[in-house]
Amino acid sequence: MRPPLWVLAFTYFMFLSLVVAIWAALGNRSALAALILTTALTIVISIQARSHIFITDTELVIDKAHIDKKYCGEVTVLDRDAMRLSRTRDADPAAFLAIKFWVSTGVKIAINDDRDPTPYWLVSSKKAEELKRTLCK
């Protein structure tokens, strides 16, 4: 799940304002170098801000985090309001959060592992129903 275009455009606009300031203070060469650097930085940010969710036969993998499916309990699909409450007022500090502010729906996956203090995983997903179906197979 990639960041929306408006987030990237806003980020790039902020970087461009920095480029204009560098141009005004230091001239064309410095501004060109800053422009190239900020463009590359925006591309890196867009790549790093993506979430990758994989479900194998035995494991759920979200970016660098992974857990065996045998420890996944009840999967609850959260609509916009439930997701908002789950990541703010009703959030458990011990929960694992794989959320992106630009995605308003997701799932809450209960963790059934006595050795793990994490009560649940809260995961942003535009395809929450599909994620639940795939995880509950």
N, C-alpha and C. Protein backbone atom coordinates (compact mmCIF):
# COMPACT_ATOMS: atom_id res chain seq x y z
N MET A 1 0.85 -1.15 0.00
CA MET A 1 0.00 0.00 0.00
C MET A 1 0.91 1.23 0.00
N ARG A 2 0.82 1.98 -1.05
CA ARG A 2 1.68 3.15 -1.22
C ARG A 2 1.02 4.40 -0.64
N PRO A 3 1.83 5.40 -0.33
CA PRO A 3 1.24 6.65 0.15
C PRO A 3 0.47 7.33 -0.98
N PRO A 4 -0.59 8.06 -0.65
CA PRO A 4 -1.36 8.74 -1.70
C PRO A 4 -0.54 9.85 -2.34
N LEU A 5 -0.93 10.19 -3.54
CA LEU A 5 -0.22 11.19 -4.31
C LEU A 5 -0.17 12.54 -3.60
N TRP A 6 -1.23 12.90 -2.89
CA TRP A 6 -1.25 14.20 -2.23
C TRP A 6 -0.20 14.29 -1.12
N VAL A 7 0.09 13.18 -0.45
CA VAL A 7 1.13 13.18 0.59
C VAL A 7 2.50 13.40 -0.05
N LEU A 8 2.74 12.69 -1.15
CA LEU A 8 4.02 12.85 -1.84
C LEU A 8 4.16 14.25 -2.43
N ALA A 9 3.07 14.79 -2.99
CA ALA A 9 3.10 16.13 -3.56
C ALA A 9 3.36 17.18 -2.47
N PHE A 10 2.73 17.02 -1.32
CA PHE A 10 2.95 17.95 -0.22
C PHE A 10 4.40 17.89 0.25
N THR A 11 4.93 16.68 0.39
CA THR A 11 6.32 16.50 0.80
C THR A 11 7.26 17.16 -0.20
N TYR A 12 7.01 16.91 -1.48
CA TYR A 12 7.86 17.49 -2.52
C TYR A 12 7.75 19.02 -2.53
N PHE A 13 6.56 19.54 -2.32
CA PHE A 13 6.37 21.00 -2.25
C PHE A 13 7.18 21.59 -1.10
N MET A 14 7.19 20.93 0.05
CA MET A 14 7.99 21.41 1.18
C MET A 14 9.47 21.41 0.83
N PHE A 15 9.91 20.34 0.17
CA PHE A 15 11.31 20.28 -0.25
C PHE A 15 11.63 21.38 -1.27
N LEU A 16 10.69 21.64 -2.19
CA LEU A 16 10.92 22.68 -3.20
C LEU A 16 11.03 24.07 -2.56
N SER A 17 10.30 24.30 -1.48
CA SER A 17 10.44 25.59 -0.80
C SER A 17 11.84 25.73 -0.21
N LEU A 18 12.41 24.63 0.22
CA LEU A 18 13.80 24.63 0.70
C LEU A 18 14.76 24.91 -0.46
N VAL A 19 14.48 24.32 -1.62
CA VAL A 19 15.31 24.56 -2.81
C VAL A 19 15.29 26.03 -3.19
N VAL A 20 14.13 26.66 -3.15
CA VAL A 20 14.03 28.09 -3.47
C VAL A 20 14.85 28.92 -2.49
N ALA A 21 14.80 28.57 -1.22
CA ALA A 21 15.59 29.29 -0.22
C ALA A 21 17.09 29.12 -0.48
N ILE A 22 17.49 27.91 -0.85
CA ILE A 22 18.90 27.67 -1.17
C ILE A 22 19.30 28.45 -2.42
N TRP A 23 18.42 28.48 -3.42
CA TRP A 23 18.71 29.24 -4.65
C TRP A 23 18.89 30.73 -4.34
N ALA A 24 18.01 31.27 -3.50
CA ALA A 24 18.08 32.70 -3.18
C ALA A 24 19.37 33.03 -2.42
N ALA A 25 19.81 32.13 -1.58
CA ALA A 25 20.98 32.40 -0.76
C ALA A 25 22.30 32.03 -1.44
N LEU A 26 22.30 30.93 -2.20
CA LEU A 26 23.57 30.39 -2.69
C LEU A 26 23.73 30.33 -4.20
N GLY A 27 22.66 30.50 -4.94
CA GLY A 27 22.79 30.53 -6.39
C GLY A 27 22.32 29.26 -7.09
N ASN A 28 22.55 29.24 -8.42
CA ASN A 28 22.00 28.19 -9.28
C ASN A 28 22.57 26.80 -9.02
N ARG A 29 23.89 26.68 -8.92
CA ARG A 29 24.49 25.35 -8.74
C ARG A 29 24.02 24.67 -7.46
N SER A 30 24.02 25.41 -6.40
CA SER A 30 23.56 24.85 -5.12
C SER A 30 22.08 24.48 -5.20
N ALA A 31 21.29 25.30 -5.87
CA ALA A 31 19.86 25.01 -6.01
C ALA A 31 19.64 23.77 -6.85
N LEU A 32 20.42 23.61 -7.93
CA LEU A 32 20.30 22.41 -8.76
C LEU A 32 20.67 21.16 -7.97
N ALA A 33 21.73 21.24 -7.19
CA ALA A 33 22.13 20.10 -6.35
C ALA A 33 21.03 19.79 -5.33
N ALA A 34 20.47 20.83 -4.73
CA ALA A 34 19.40 20.63 -3.75
C ALA A 34 18.16 20.05 -4.41
N LEU A 35 17.85 20.49 -5.63
CA LEU A 35 16.70 19.96 -6.36
C LEU A 35 16.87 18.47 -6.65
N ILE A 36 18.04 18.09 -7.11
CA ILE A 36 18.32 16.68 -7.39
C ILE A 36 18.24 15.87 -6.10
N LEU A 37 18.83 16.38 -5.04
CA LEU A 37 18.81 15.68 -3.75
C LEU A 37 17.39 15.53 -3.21
N THR A 38 16.60 16.59 -3.25
CA THR A 38 15.24 16.51 -2.70
C THR A 38 14.33 15.63 -3.56
N THR A 39 14.55 15.62 -4.87
CA THR A 39 13.78 14.72 -5.74
C THR A 39 14.10 13.27 -5.40
N ALA A 40 15.38 12.97 -5.24
CA ALA A 40 15.78 11.61 -4.86
C ALA A 40 15.24 11.26 -3.48
N LEU A 41 15.27 12.20 -2.57
CA LEU A 41 14.75 11.96 -1.22
C LEU A 41 13.25 11.70 -1.23
N THR A 42 12.51 12.40 -2.07
CA THR A 42 11.07 12.16 -2.19
C THR A 42 10.79 10.76 -2.73
N ILE A 43 11.59 10.32 -3.69
CA ILE A 43 11.43 8.95 -4.22
C ILE A 43 11.73 7.93 -3.14
N VAL A 44 12.78 8.14 -2.36
CA VAL A 44 13.13 7.22 -1.27
C VAL A 44 12.01 7.20 -0.23
N ILE A 45 11.47 8.36 0.11
CA ILE A 45 10.37 8.42 1.08
C ILE A 45 9.16 7.65 0.56
N SER A 46 8.86 7.79 -0.72
CA SER A 46 7.70 7.09 -1.28
C SER A 46 7.89 5.58 -1.24
N ILE A 47 9.11 5.12 -1.44
CA ILE A 47 9.39 3.68 -1.38
C ILE A 47 9.35 3.18 0.06
N GLN A 48 9.96 3.93 0.98
CA GLN A 48 10.03 3.51 2.38
C GLN A 48 8.68 3.59 3.10
N ALA A 49 7.78 4.44 2.63
CA ALA A 49 6.49 4.61 3.29
C ALA A 49 5.48 3.53 2.92
N ARG A 50 5.83 2.65 2.01
CA ARG A 50 4.91 1.59 1.60
C ARG A 50 4.84 0.50 2.66
N SER A 51 3.68 -0.12 2.75
CA SER A 51 3.49 -1.29 3.62
C SER A 51 3.36 -2.52 2.75
N HIS A 52 4.00 -3.57 3.19
CA HIS A 52 3.91 -4.84 2.48
C HIS A 52 3.32 -5.87 3.43
N ILE A 53 2.18 -6.44 3.06
CA ILE A 53 1.51 -7.45 3.87
C ILE A 53 1.51 -8.76 3.09
N PHE A 54 2.11 -9.79 3.68
CA PHE A 54 2.17 -11.11 3.06
C PHE A 54 1.58 -12.13 4.02
N ILE A 55 0.82 -13.06 3.48
CA ILE A 55 0.30 -14.16 4.28
C ILE A 55 0.71 -15.44 3.59
N THR A 56 1.54 -16.23 4.28
CA THR A 56 1.94 -17.53 3.75
C THR A 56 1.07 -18.60 4.40
N ASP A 57 1.40 -19.85 4.15
CA ASP A 57 0.64 -20.94 4.77
C ASP A 57 0.78 -20.94 6.29
N THR A 58 1.91 -20.47 6.80
CA THR A 58 2.17 -20.57 8.23
C THR A 58 2.40 -19.24 8.93
N GLU A 59 2.49 -18.15 8.18
CA GLU A 59 2.96 -16.91 8.79
C GLU A 59 2.27 -15.67 8.21
N LEU A 60 2.11 -14.67 9.08
CA LEU A 60 1.66 -13.34 8.68
C LEU A 60 2.87 -12.42 8.75
N VAL A 61 3.17 -11.74 7.65
CA VAL A 61 4.33 -10.85 7.58
C VAL A 61 3.84 -9.45 7.19
N ILE A 62 4.17 -8.48 8.03
CA ILE A 62 3.85 -7.09 7.74
C ILE A 62 5.15 -6.30 7.86
N ASP A 63 5.66 -5.87 6.72
CA ASP A 63 6.96 -5.22 6.63
C ASP A 63 8.01 -6.14 7.26
N LYS A 64 8.64 -5.74 8.36
CA LYS A 64 9.68 -6.58 8.97
C LYS A 64 9.14 -7.45 10.12
N ALA A 65 7.91 -7.24 10.51
CA ALA A 65 7.31 -8.01 11.60
C ALA A 65 6.66 -9.28 11.05
N HIS A 66 6.74 -10.35 11.82
CA HIS A 66 6.08 -11.59 11.39
C HIS A 66 5.63 -12.38 12.62
N ILE A 67 4.59 -13.17 12.42
CA ILE A 67 4.06 -14.01 13.49
C ILE A 67 3.46 -15.26 12.86
N ASP A 68 3.60 -16.38 13.56
CA ASP A 68 2.98 -17.62 13.09
C ASP A 68 1.47 -17.47 13.13
N LYS A 69 0.82 -18.00 12.11
CA LYS A 69 -0.65 -17.90 12.04
C LYS A 69 -1.33 -18.64 13.19
N LYS A 70 -0.64 -19.63 13.77
CA LYS A 70 -1.26 -20.38 14.87
C LYS A 70 -1.49 -19.49 16.10
N TYR A 71 -0.77 -18.38 16.20
CA TYR A 71 -0.96 -17.45 17.32
C TYR A 71 -1.98 -16.36 17.02
N CYS A 72 -2.47 -16.30 15.81
CA CYS A 72 -3.47 -15.29 15.44
C CYS A 72 -4.85 -15.76 15.89
N GLY A 73 -5.49 -14.93 16.68
CA GLY A 73 -6.83 -15.27 17.15
C GLY A 73 -7.90 -14.62 16.29
N GLU A 74 -8.88 -14.05 16.95
CA GLU A 74 -10.00 -13.44 16.24
C GLU A 74 -9.53 -12.24 15.41
N VAL A 75 -10.01 -12.19 14.19
CA VAL A 75 -9.70 -11.08 13.29
C VAL A 75 -10.96 -10.24 13.14
N THR A 76 -10.87 -8.96 13.51
CA THR A 76 -12.01 -8.06 13.45
C THR A 76 -11.76 -6.99 12.39
N VAL A 77 -12.69 -6.87 11.47
CA VAL A 77 -12.61 -5.81 10.46
C VAL A 77 -13.09 -4.51 11.09
N LEU A 78 -12.31 -3.45 10.92
CA LEU A 78 -12.64 -2.16 11.52
C LEU A 78 -12.99 -1.14 10.43
N ASP A 79 -14.15 -0.51 10.60
CA ASP A 79 -14.53 0.55 9.67
C ASP A 79 -13.82 1.84 10.10
N ARG A 80 -14.14 2.93 9.44
CA ARG A 80 -13.46 4.20 9.69
C ARG A 80 -13.53 4.62 11.16
N ASP A 81 -14.72 4.57 11.76
CA ASP A 81 -14.87 5.02 13.15
C ASP A 81 -14.19 4.08 14.13
N ALA A 82 -14.36 2.78 13.93
CA ALA A 82 -13.74 1.81 14.83
C ALA A 82 -12.22 1.88 14.74
N MET A 83 -11.70 2.08 13.54
CA MET A 83 -10.25 2.19 13.36
C MET A 83 -9.73 3.45 14.05
N ARG A 84 -10.46 4.55 13.91
CA ARG A 84 -10.05 5.80 14.55
C ARG A 84 -9.97 5.63 16.06
N LEU A 85 -10.97 4.99 16.65
CA LEU A 85 -10.96 4.77 18.09
C LEU A 85 -9.86 3.80 18.50
N SER A 86 -9.63 2.77 17.70
CA SER A 86 -8.63 1.76 18.03
C SER A 86 -7.21 2.31 18.01
N ARG A 87 -6.97 3.31 17.20
CA ARG A 87 -5.61 3.84 17.15
C ARG A 87 -5.44 5.10 17.99
N THR A 88 -6.51 5.53 18.67
CA THR A 88 -6.40 6.71 19.53
C THR A 88 -6.84 6.37 20.94
N ARG A 89 -8.07 6.69 21.28
CA ARG A 89 -8.55 6.56 22.65
C ARG A 89 -8.51 5.14 23.19
N ASP A 90 -8.89 4.15 22.38
CA ASP A 90 -8.97 2.77 22.85
C ASP A 90 -7.69 1.97 22.62
N ALA A 91 -6.62 2.61 22.21
CA ALA A 91 -5.38 1.89 21.89
C ALA A 91 -4.73 1.32 23.15
N ASP A 92 -4.18 0.13 23.02
CA ASP A 92 -3.41 -0.51 24.07
C ASP A 92 -1.93 -0.21 23.79
N PRO A 93 -1.20 0.35 24.76
CA PRO A 93 0.21 0.68 24.51
C PRO A 93 1.07 -0.52 24.15
N ALA A 94 0.64 -1.71 24.52
CA ALA A 94 1.43 -2.91 24.23
C ALA A 94 1.12 -3.50 22.86
N ALA A 95 0.16 -2.95 22.17
CA ALA A 95 -0.25 -3.49 20.86
C ALA A 95 0.78 -3.17 19.79
N PHE A 96 0.84 -4.03 18.78
CA PHE A 96 1.69 -3.78 17.61
C PHE A 96 0.85 -3.00 16.60
N LEU A 97 1.36 -1.85 16.17
CA LEU A 97 0.62 -1.00 15.25
C LEU A 97 1.34 -0.94 13.90
N ALA A 98 0.65 -1.39 12.88
CA ALA A 98 1.13 -1.27 11.50
C ALA A 98 0.12 -0.41 10.77
N ILE A 99 0.12 0.88 11.14
CA ILE A 99 -0.92 1.77 10.62
C ILE A 99 -0.30 2.89 9.79
N LYS A 100 -1.09 3.34 8.84
CA LYS A 100 -0.73 4.49 8.00
C LYS A 100 -1.86 5.49 8.14
N PHE A 101 -1.54 6.75 8.36
CA PHE A 101 -2.58 7.74 8.62
C PHE A 101 -3.50 7.97 7.43
N TRP A 102 -3.07 7.63 6.25
CA TRP A 102 -3.89 7.87 5.05
C TRP A 102 -4.85 6.73 4.74
N VAL A 103 -4.82 5.65 5.53
CA VAL A 103 -5.74 4.52 5.34
C VAL A 103 -6.68 4.50 6.53
N SER A 104 -7.98 4.61 6.29
CA SER A 104 -8.92 4.78 7.39
C SER A 104 -9.57 3.48 7.86
N THR A 105 -9.33 2.36 7.20
CA THR A 105 -9.91 1.08 7.62
C THR A 105 -8.78 0.09 7.88
N GLY A 106 -9.14 -1.02 8.52
CA GLY A 106 -8.12 -2.02 8.81
C GLY A 106 -8.68 -3.20 9.56
N VAL A 107 -7.77 -3.96 10.16
CA VAL A 107 -8.16 -5.13 10.94
C VAL A 107 -7.44 -5.11 12.29
N LYS A 108 -8.09 -5.75 13.25
CA LYS A 108 -7.50 -5.96 14.57
C LYS A 108 -7.36 -7.46 14.74
N ILE A 109 -6.14 -7.92 14.93
CA ILE A 109 -5.86 -9.35 15.02
C ILE A 109 -5.44 -9.67 16.45
N ALA A 110 -6.26 -10.43 17.15
CA ALA A 110 -5.94 -10.83 18.52
C ALA A 110 -4.77 -11.81 18.49
N ILE A 111 -3.87 -11.69 19.47
CA ILE A 111 -2.70 -12.56 19.56
C ILE A 111 -2.89 -13.51 20.74
N ASN A 112 -2.84 -14.81 20.44
CA ASN A 112 -3.03 -15.85 21.46
C ASN A 112 -1.71 -16.56 21.74
N ASP A 113 -0.80 -15.86 22.39
CA ASP A 113 0.50 -16.43 22.74
C ASP A 113 0.82 -15.98 24.16
N ASP A 114 0.89 -16.94 25.08
CA ASP A 114 1.13 -16.61 26.48
C ASP A 114 2.50 -15.96 26.70
N ARG A 115 3.45 -16.25 25.82
CA ARG A 115 4.80 -15.70 25.97
C ARG A 115 4.93 -14.29 25.40
N ASP A 116 3.94 -13.85 24.65
CA ASP A 116 4.00 -12.55 23.98
C ASP A 116 3.07 -11.57 24.70
N PRO A 117 3.59 -10.45 25.20
CA PRO A 117 2.74 -9.49 25.90
C PRO A 117 1.87 -8.64 24.95
N THR A 118 2.06 -8.81 23.65
CA THR A 118 1.29 -8.04 22.68
C THR A 118 -0.14 -8.56 22.62
N PRO A 119 -1.14 -7.76 22.97
CA PRO A 119 -2.52 -8.25 22.97
C PRO A 119 -3.12 -8.40 21.57
N TYR A 120 -2.71 -7.52 20.65
CA TYR A 120 -3.26 -7.58 19.29
C TYR A 120 -2.36 -6.81 18.33
N TRP A 121 -2.58 -7.07 17.05
CA TRP A 121 -1.96 -6.28 15.98
C TRP A 121 -3.05 -5.43 15.36
N LEU A 122 -2.79 -4.16 15.17
CA LEU A 122 -3.70 -3.26 14.48
C LEU A 122 -3.06 -2.92 13.15
N VAL A 123 -3.73 -3.29 12.06
CA VAL A 123 -3.15 -3.19 10.73
C VAL A 123 -4.05 -2.36 9.83
N SER A 124 -3.50 -1.31 9.24
CA SER A 124 -4.24 -0.53 8.24
C SER A 124 -4.31 -1.31 6.94
N SER A 125 -5.49 -1.32 6.34
CA SER A 125 -5.64 -2.00 5.05
C SER A 125 -6.87 -1.46 4.33
N LYS A 126 -6.69 -1.16 3.05
CA LYS A 126 -7.84 -0.75 2.24
C LYS A 126 -8.70 -1.96 1.88
N LYS A 127 -8.13 -3.14 2.00
CA LYS A 127 -8.84 -4.38 1.68
C LYS A 127 -8.96 -5.24 2.94
N ALA A 128 -9.59 -4.68 3.96
CA ALA A 128 -9.67 -5.34 5.26
C ALA A 128 -10.44 -6.66 5.20
N GLU A 129 -11.55 -6.69 4.48
CA GLU A 129 -12.35 -7.93 4.37
C GLU A 129 -11.53 -9.03 3.70
N GLU A 130 -10.83 -8.69 2.64
CA GLU A 130 -10.00 -9.67 1.94
C GLU A 130 -8.87 -10.16 2.83
N LEU A 131 -8.28 -9.27 3.61
CA LEU A 131 -7.22 -9.65 4.54
C LEU A 131 -7.75 -10.61 5.59
N LYS A 132 -8.95 -10.34 6.11
CA LYS A 132 -9.55 -11.24 7.09
C LYS A 132 -9.82 -12.61 6.49
N ARG A 133 -10.41 -12.65 5.29
CA ARG A 133 -10.70 -13.93 4.64
C ARG A 133 -9.42 -14.74 4.40
N THR A 134 -8.39 -14.08 3.94
CA THR A 134 -7.13 -14.77 3.66
C THR A 134 -6.48 -15.26 4.94
N LEU A 135 -6.53 -14.47 5.98
CA LEU A 135 -5.90 -14.85 7.25
C LEU A 135 -6.66 -15.96 7.95
N CYS A 136 -7.96 -16.01 7.79
CA CYS A 136 -8.78 -17.00 8.50
C CYS A 136 -8.91 -18.33 7.75
N LYS A 137 -8.22 -18.49 6.65
CA LYS A 137 -8.29 -19.76 5.90
C LYS A 137 -7.66 -20.88 6.68
